[in-house]
């Protein structure tokens, strides 16, 4: 399924009727983390559930029924499969490759692929236990509704990436804080974080709470980005945006080549503790991991920090980004930092 690899890509001169050639096989760290685990989510136990019987004219079971039951005249009941975050009731892989691209025009001149639908309001789309911090990191979509139910195991693991990122050995320990710890209003958190000096530099959405409400409504209805809250043990610590670079360059053309599936990240965190080098590597690499898993056609990820933000620039370089250029905004000069898929290996744990 692509996880195990060999460098031997020749046809070979061996007799095809002879014994198979021995190959040196390996699993690279990069392929382990970048392959979509949905490929492996299926049950090996065949479905042996009895079908409704339809008596034949002679009053006995039909030959087809005897054949389907293995020729023994009675059906076997499958032993119950273990449930958990890696369980799938299907008997074929639950992974589907990206469909062929379909194209639309933006503003009458920019041609770009139709994008996949993002997660829903309140949905957690990435979750992982971080052993070095003894915390659970998750990313979810903000919700405008204060009566949203708290995350359960199923909702926390997400509709799209239900088993992408959870550490199975720590599953119960890492999920429990998400279930038991209540969260406040997402709008209240956005009001707090978007009024911080660093957030003002990026979005210019400071002010009373009604400004943040309009701000997040625009993001929730955008076709080229979606907003996200980063959470430690279910409690928000930062605001993030994941966007398609090609559409984002309509109003702000970039002096570099942009691929159809390049993703971009914007981010700000509330506390200084989460700007420390290790914490930054944890949440930054988790966002990178999500982007690379969400669509395997994404070959690069871009970030646009201020050219004088040395602390964040050094964190990006440590994560594998390199500087590709600069662009000017009305009040600041920004660097174009890009990470190639081939240069990223694994999340920071």
Protein backbone atom coordinates (compact mmCIF):
# COMPACT_ATOMS: atom_id res chain seq x y z
CA UNK A 1 0.00 0.00 0.00
CA UNK A 2 3.00 2.27 -0.38
CA UNK A 3 4.38 2.12 3.15
CA UNK A 4 7.05 -0.52 2.45
CA UNK A 5 9.48 0.41 -0.33
CA UNK A 6 12.36 -1.07 -2.30
CA UNK A 7 14.96 0.78 -4.33
CA UNK A 8 15.05 -2.09 -6.85
CA UNK A 9 12.97 -0.72 -9.74
CA UNK A 10 14.30 -2.95 -12.55
CA UNK A 11 12.47 -5.75 -14.39
CA UNK A 12 15.38 -8.13 -13.86
CA UNK A 13 16.78 -11.10 -15.81
CA UNK A 14 15.56 -13.88 -13.53
CA UNK A 15 13.34 -16.71 -14.79
CA UNK A 16 9.76 -15.65 -13.94
CA UNK A 17 8.91 -19.32 -13.30
CA UNK A 18 11.62 -19.62 -10.70
CA UNK A 19 11.56 -18.57 -7.06
CA UNK A 20 10.82 -14.86 -6.50
CA UNK A 21 13.74 -12.52 -6.16
CA UNK A 22 14.66 -11.41 -2.67
CA UNK A 23 14.31 -7.66 -2.27
CA UNK A 24 15.67 -5.29 0.34
CA UNK A 25 12.61 -3.54 1.78
CA UNK A 26 12.45 -0.56 4.11
CA UNK A 27 10.06 1.99 5.63
CA UNK A 28 11.31 5.58 5.71
CA UNK A 29 10.39 7.96 8.49
CA UNK A 30 9.10 10.46 5.95
CA UNK A 31 6.76 8.00 4.21
CA UNK A 32 5.51 6.67 7.56
CA UNK A 33 4.26 10.10 8.61
CA UNK A 34 3.07 11.34 5.22
CA UNK A 35 1.02 8.34 4.11
CA UNK A 36 -2.70 8.61 4.90
CA UNK A 37 -3.52 6.02 7.60
CA UNK A 38 -7.05 5.64 6.20
CA UNK A 39 -5.43 3.24 3.72
CA UNK A 40 -4.98 0.77 6.57
CA UNK A 41 -8.36 1.28 8.28
CA UNK A 42 -10.36 -1.80 7.44
CA UNK A 43 -11.39 -5.01 9.14
CA UNK A 44 -9.81 -8.29 8.07
CA UNK A 45 -12.79 -10.22 9.46
CA UNK A 46 -15.26 -11.06 6.66
CA UNK A 47 -18.88 -10.18 7.15
CA UNK A 48 -20.58 -13.48 7.99
CA UNK A 49 -23.86 -12.03 9.28
CA UNK A 50 -26.80 -14.32 8.39
CA UNK A 51 -29.03 -13.20 5.56
CA UNK A 52 -32.81 -13.61 5.69
CA UNK A 53 -33.70 -17.12 4.55
CA UNK A 54 -36.02 -17.64 1.58
CA UNK A 55 -37.24 -21.26 1.40
CA UNK A 56 -37.02 -23.01 -1.95
CA UNK A 57 -39.95 -24.88 -3.45
CA UNK A 58 -38.75 -28.13 -1.95
CA UNK A 59 -38.64 -26.56 1.51
CA UNK A 60 -34.84 -26.77 1.81
CA UNK A 61 -32.21 -24.11 1.58
CA UNK A 62 -31.07 -23.17 -1.88
CA UNK A 63 -27.72 -24.41 -3.25
CA UNK A 64 -26.56 -20.80 -3.36
CA UNK A 65 -27.17 -20.49 0.38
CA UNK A 66 -25.18 -23.65 1.03
CA UNK A 67 -22.36 -22.34 -1.14
CA UNK A 68 -22.33 -18.95 0.57
CA UNK A 69 -22.19 -20.60 3.99
CA UNK A 70 -19.08 -22.54 3.02
CA UNK A 71 -20.92 -25.75 2.12
CA UNK A 72 -21.63 -26.64 5.75
CA UNK A 73 -25.34 -25.82 5.73
CA UNK A 74 -25.04 -23.22 8.50
CA UNK A 75 -23.50 -19.77 8.62
CA UNK A 76 -20.64 -18.73 10.80
CA UNK A 77 -20.99 -15.66 12.97
CA UNK A 78 -18.02 -13.36 12.86
CA UNK A 79 -16.33 -12.74 16.17
CA UNK A 80 -16.85 -9.16 17.28
CA UNK A 81 -14.05 -6.88 16.11
CA UNK A 82 -12.38 -4.69 18.74
CA UNK A 83 -13.61 -1.12 18.77
CA UNK A 84 -11.37 1.91 19.10
CA UNK A 85 -9.92 4.82 17.20
CA UNK A 86 -8.35 2.49 14.63
CA UNK A 87 -11.46 0.39 14.04
CA UNK A 88 -13.31 0.49 10.74
CA UNK A 89 -16.47 -1.50 10.05
CA UNK A 90 -15.62 -1.64 6.35
CA UNK A 91 -13.81 -4.53 4.71
CA UNK A 92 -12.02 -2.37 2.18
CA UNK A 93 -9.69 0.55 2.96
CA UNK A 94 -11.56 3.69 4.00
CA UNK A 95 -9.13 5.86 2.04
CA UNK A 96 -10.09 7.44 -1.25
CA UNK A 97 -7.45 9.12 -3.45
CA UNK A 98 -8.08 12.71 -4.53
CA UNK A 99 -10.48 12.89 -7.49
CA UNK A 100 -9.36 14.37 -10.81
CA UNK A 101 -9.15 18.13 -10.50
CA UNK A 102 -12.09 20.21 -11.72
CA UNK A 103 -11.44 23.84 -12.49
CA UNK A 104 -13.18 27.17 -11.89
CA UNK A 105 -12.29 30.81 -12.58
CA UNK A 106 -11.85 33.39 -9.82
CA UNK A 107 -12.43 37.06 -10.63
CA UNK A 108 -12.56 36.16 -14.30
CA UNK A 109 -8.85 35.42 -14.70
CA UNK A 110 -7.44 33.06 -12.03
CA UNK A 111 -7.96 29.37 -12.82
CA UNK A 112 -7.81 27.08 -9.81
CA UNK A 113 -9.13 23.64 -8.76
CA UNK A 114 -12.45 23.24 -6.96
CA UNK A 115 -11.47 22.75 -3.33
CA UNK A 116 -12.54 20.01 -0.94
CA UNK A 117 -15.12 20.99 1.66
CA UNK A 118 -13.50 21.87 5.00
CA UNK A 119 -14.58 20.49 8.40
CA UNK A 120 -17.75 21.76 10.06
CA UNK A 121 -18.13 24.35 12.84
CA UNK A 122 -16.84 22.93 16.11
CA UNK A 123 -15.27 19.89 14.45
CA UNK A 124 -11.84 18.72 15.60
CA UNK A 125 -9.82 17.82 12.51
CA UNK A 126 -6.44 17.00 14.11
CA UNK A 127 -5.58 15.60 17.53
CA UNK A 128 -2.39 14.18 19.00
CA UNK A 129 -0.95 13.41 22.42
CA UNK A 130 2.38 15.22 22.94
CA UNK A 131 4.51 13.11 25.34
CA UNK A 132 7.16 15.82 25.85
CA UNK A 133 4.53 18.24 27.18
CA UNK A 134 2.11 15.69 28.66
CA UNK A 135 -0.71 17.50 26.87
CA UNK A 136 -3.11 16.77 24.06
CA UNK A 137 -2.85 19.10 21.09
CA UNK A 138 -5.89 19.50 18.86
CA UNK A 139 -7.16 21.82 16.16
CA UNK A 140 -10.83 22.49 15.58
CA UNK A 141 -13.06 24.88 13.68
CA UNK A 142 -14.48 27.76 15.80
CA UNK A 143 -18.20 27.63 16.48
CA UNK A 144 -20.59 30.57 16.62
CA UNK A 145 -22.95 28.53 18.79
CA UNK A 146 -22.35 28.56 22.53
CA UNK A 147 -24.53 25.48 23.05
CA UNK A 148 -22.21 23.21 21.02
CA UNK A 149 -21.79 19.85 22.80
CA UNK A 150 -18.35 19.15 24.30
CA UNK A 151 -15.94 16.96 22.36
CA UNK A 152 -16.45 13.24 22.74
CA UNK A 153 -14.04 10.63 21.45
CA UNK A 154 -15.84 10.45 18.11
CA UNK A 155 -16.23 14.18 17.52
CA UNK A 156 -12.72 14.91 18.76
CA UNK A 157 -11.17 12.50 16.31
CA UNK A 158 -13.00 14.28 13.53
CA UNK A 159 -15.13 13.29 10.56
CA UNK A 160 -12.30 13.44 8.03
CA UNK A 161 -9.22 12.46 10.05
CA UNK A 162 -10.67 10.18 12.69
CA UNK A 163 -7.53 8.14 13.23
CA UNK A 164 -4.77 10.23 11.68
CA UNK A 165 -2.93 11.42 14.68
CA UNK A 166 -3.90 9.75 17.93
CA UNK A 167 -1.28 7.84 19.93
CA UNK A 168 -3.11 4.55 20.56
CA UNK A 169 -1.26 3.76 23.78
CA UNK A 170 -2.27 7.10 25.28
CA UNK A 171 -5.75 7.25 23.75
CA UNK A 172 -7.82 7.11 26.93
CA UNK A 173 -5.49 9.40 28.85
CA UNK A 174 -5.35 12.00 26.08
CA UNK A 175 -9.06 11.98 25.22
CA UNK A 176 -10.33 12.23 28.79
CA UNK A 177 -9.37 15.91 29.32
CA UNK A 178 -11.22 16.80 26.13
CA UNK A 179 -14.38 15.16 27.42
CA UNK A 180 -14.28 16.41 31.00
CA UNK A 181 -12.89 19.92 30.71
CA UNK A 182 -15.56 22.46 29.65
CA UNK A 183 -14.70 25.20 27.20
CA UNK A 184 -15.88 28.79 27.03
CA UNK A 185 -17.34 30.66 24.12
CA UNK A 186 -15.18 30.61 20.99
CA UNK A 187 -16.25 34.16 20.24
CA UNK A 188 -15.00 35.32 23.65
CA UNK A 189 -11.62 33.72 22.97
CA UNK A 190 -11.44 35.33 19.53
CA UNK A 191 -12.28 38.69 21.10
CA UNK A 192 -9.36 38.25 23.51
CA UNK A 193 -6.73 37.01 21.08
CA UNK A 194 -7.56 39.31 18.16
CA UNK A 195 -7.11 42.31 20.45
CA UNK A 196 -3.48 41.37 21.21
CA UNK A 197 -0.71 43.43 19.53
CA UNK A 198 0.60 40.54 17.41
CA UNK A 199 -2.87 39.66 16.11
CA UNK A 200 -3.53 43.32 15.25
CA UNK A 201 -0.47 43.27 12.98
CA UNK A 202 -1.82 40.30 11.01
CA UNK A 203 -5.59 40.87 10.80
CA UNK A 204 -6.37 44.40 12.05
CA UNK A 205 -9.60 43.14 13.66
CA UNK A 206 -9.30 44.60 17.15
CA UNK A 207 -12.24 46.24 18.87
CA UNK A 208 -15.54 45.20 20.45
CA UNK A 209 -16.78 41.64 20.16
CA UNK A 210 -19.13 42.37 17.26
CA UNK A 211 -16.06 43.07 15.09
CA UNK A 212 -14.66 39.60 15.83
CA UNK A 213 -18.08 38.10 15.15
CA UNK A 214 -18.13 39.60 11.65
CA UNK A 215 -14.47 38.64 11.22
CA UNK A 216 -15.09 34.95 11.89
CA UNK A 217 -18.29 34.88 9.80
CA UNK A 218 -16.27 36.04 6.79
CA UNK A 219 -13.75 33.23 7.40
CA UNK A 220 -16.43 30.59 7.89
CA UNK A 221 -17.97 31.50 4.53
CA UNK A 222 -14.70 31.79 2.60
CA UNK A 223 -13.99 29.33 -0.23
CA UNK A 224 -10.21 29.58 -0.05
CA UNK A 225 -9.49 29.34 3.70
CA UNK A 226 -10.88 28.09 6.97
CA UNK A 227 -10.22 29.26 10.56
CA UNK A 228 -9.00 27.02 13.36
CA UNK A 229 -8.43 27.14 17.09
CA UNK A 230 -5.39 25.37 18.51
CA UNK A 231 -6.17 23.73 21.87
CA UNK A 232 -4.19 22.21 24.73
CA UNK A 233 -6.37 19.63 26.50
CA UNK A 234 -9.40 21.15 24.82
CA UNK A 235 -8.68 24.76 25.86
CA UNK A 236 -7.87 27.26 23.05
CA UNK A 237 -4.39 28.79 23.01
CA UNK A 238 -4.13 30.21 19.48
CA UNK A 239 -5.95 31.27 16.34
CA UNK A 240 -4.90 29.88 12.94
CA UNK A 241 -5.95 30.06 9.31
CA UNK A 242 -5.24 27.43 6.67
CA UNK A 243 -5.64 28.72 3.14
CA UNK A 244 -5.01 27.92 -0.51
CA UNK A 245 -2.14 30.13 -1.63
CA UNK A 246 -3.26 30.40 -5.24
CA UNK A 247 -6.61 32.03 -4.45
CA UNK A 248 -5.05 34.09 -1.66
CA UNK A 249 -2.69 35.70 -4.17
CA UNK A 250 -5.52 37.31 -6.19
CA UNK A 251 -5.53 40.54 -4.20
CA UNK A 252 -1.86 40.26 -3.25
CA UNK A 253 0.19 38.82 -6.14
CA UNK A 254 3.36 37.07 -4.96
CA UNK A 255 6.74 37.34 -6.73
CA UNK A 256 7.13 33.55 -6.77
CA UNK A 257 5.59 30.64 -8.65
CA UNK A 258 2.56 29.17 -6.86
CA UNK A 259 1.37 25.61 -7.43
CA UNK A 260 -2.33 24.71 -7.67
CA UNK A 261 -2.32 22.87 -4.32
CA UNK A 262 0.09 24.95 -2.21
CA UNK A 263 -1.26 25.59 1.29
CA UNK A 264 -0.58 28.58 3.52
CA UNK A 265 -0.73 29.11 7.28
CA UNK A 266 -1.39 32.23 9.37
CA UNK A 267 -1.13 32.01 13.14
CA UNK A 268 -1.04 33.82 16.44
CA UNK A 269 -0.93 32.45 19.99
CA UNK A 270 -2.16 34.06 23.19
CA UNK A 271 0.52 33.24 25.79
CA UNK A 272 4.28 33.76 25.64
CA UNK A 273 4.73 30.17 26.83
CA UNK A 274 3.35 28.91 23.51
CA UNK A 275 5.93 31.02 21.63
CA UNK A 276 8.80 29.10 23.21
CA UNK A 277 10.90 27.19 20.65
CA UNK A 278 9.69 23.70 21.57
CA UNK A 279 6.00 24.61 21.84
CA UNK A 280 6.21 26.45 18.52
CA UNK A 281 7.72 23.39 16.84
CA UNK A 282 4.93 21.21 18.25
CA UNK A 283 1.95 23.23 16.98
CA UNK A 284 3.69 24.39 13.79
CA UNK A 285 4.64 20.86 12.71
CA UNK A 286 1.17 19.60 13.61
CA UNK A 287 -0.34 22.15 11.19
CA UNK A 288 2.18 21.11 8.53
CA UNK A 289 1.29 17.46 9.12
CA UNK A 290 -2.40 18.16 8.66
CA UNK A 291 -1.85 20.07 5.41
CA UNK A 292 0.27 17.28 3.92
CA UNK A 293 -2.24 14.59 4.91
CA UNK A 294 -5.33 16.53 3.86
CA UNK A 295 -4.35 16.40 0.16
CA UNK A 296 -1.36 14.44 -1.13
CA UNK A 297 -1.14 16.83 -4.09
CA UNK A 298 0.05 19.58 -1.74
CA UNK A 299 3.79 19.83 -2.36
CA UNK A 300 4.58 23.07 -0.51
CA UNK A 301 3.39 25.11 2.47
CA UNK A 302 3.91 28.88 2.74
CA UNK A 303 4.06 31.28 5.68
CA UNK A 304 4.45 35.08 5.49
CA UNK A 305 5.99 36.46 8.72
CA UNK A 306 7.44 39.94 9.20
CA UNK A 307 11.03 40.15 8.00
CA UNK A 308 12.07 41.48 11.43
CA UNK A 309 10.35 38.72 13.46
CA UNK A 310 13.61 36.88 14.08
CA UNK A 311 12.21 34.49 16.69
CA UNK A 312 9.44 33.18 14.41
CA UNK A 313 11.75 33.10 11.38
CA UNK A 314 14.24 30.93 13.25
CA UNK A 315 11.42 28.55 14.26
CA UNK A 316 10.31 28.29 10.63
CA UNK A 317 13.85 27.55 9.47
CA UNK A 318 14.19 24.87 12.15
CA UNK A 319 10.96 23.28 10.85
CA UNK A 320 12.40 23.11 7.31
CA UNK A 321 11.21 26.37 5.73
CA UNK A 322 13.46 28.49 3.53
CA UNK A 323 13.14 32.09 2.39
CA UNK A 324 12.00 32.44 -1.21
CA UNK A 325 11.31 36.16 -1.44
CA UNK A 326 9.57 39.14 0.13
CA UNK A 327 6.38 41.12 -0.39
CA UNK A 328 5.23 44.47 0.94
CA UNK A 329 2.09 45.30 2.91
CA UNK A 330 0.97 48.85 3.80
CA UNK A 331 2.56 48.74 7.26
CA UNK A 332 5.18 45.99 7.08
CA UNK A 333 7.54 43.98 4.92
CA UNK A 334 6.95 40.22 4.92
CA UNK A 335 9.13 37.26 4.02
CA UNK A 336 7.88 34.42 1.83
CA UNK A 337 8.86 31.28 3.72
CA UNK A 338 8.20 27.97 1.99
CA UNK A 339 8.46 24.33 3.05
CA UNK A 340 8.66 21.57 0.45
CA UNK A 341 6.97 18.26 1.20
CA UNK A 342 10.25 16.46 0.46
CA UNK A 343 11.98 18.42 3.25
CA UNK A 344 9.53 17.54 6.03
CA UNK A 345 9.89 14.33 8.00
CA UNK A 346 7.77 14.11 11.14
CA UNK A 347 5.76 16.03 13.75
CA UNK A 348 7.45 17.18 16.93
CA UNK A 349 6.39 15.05 19.86
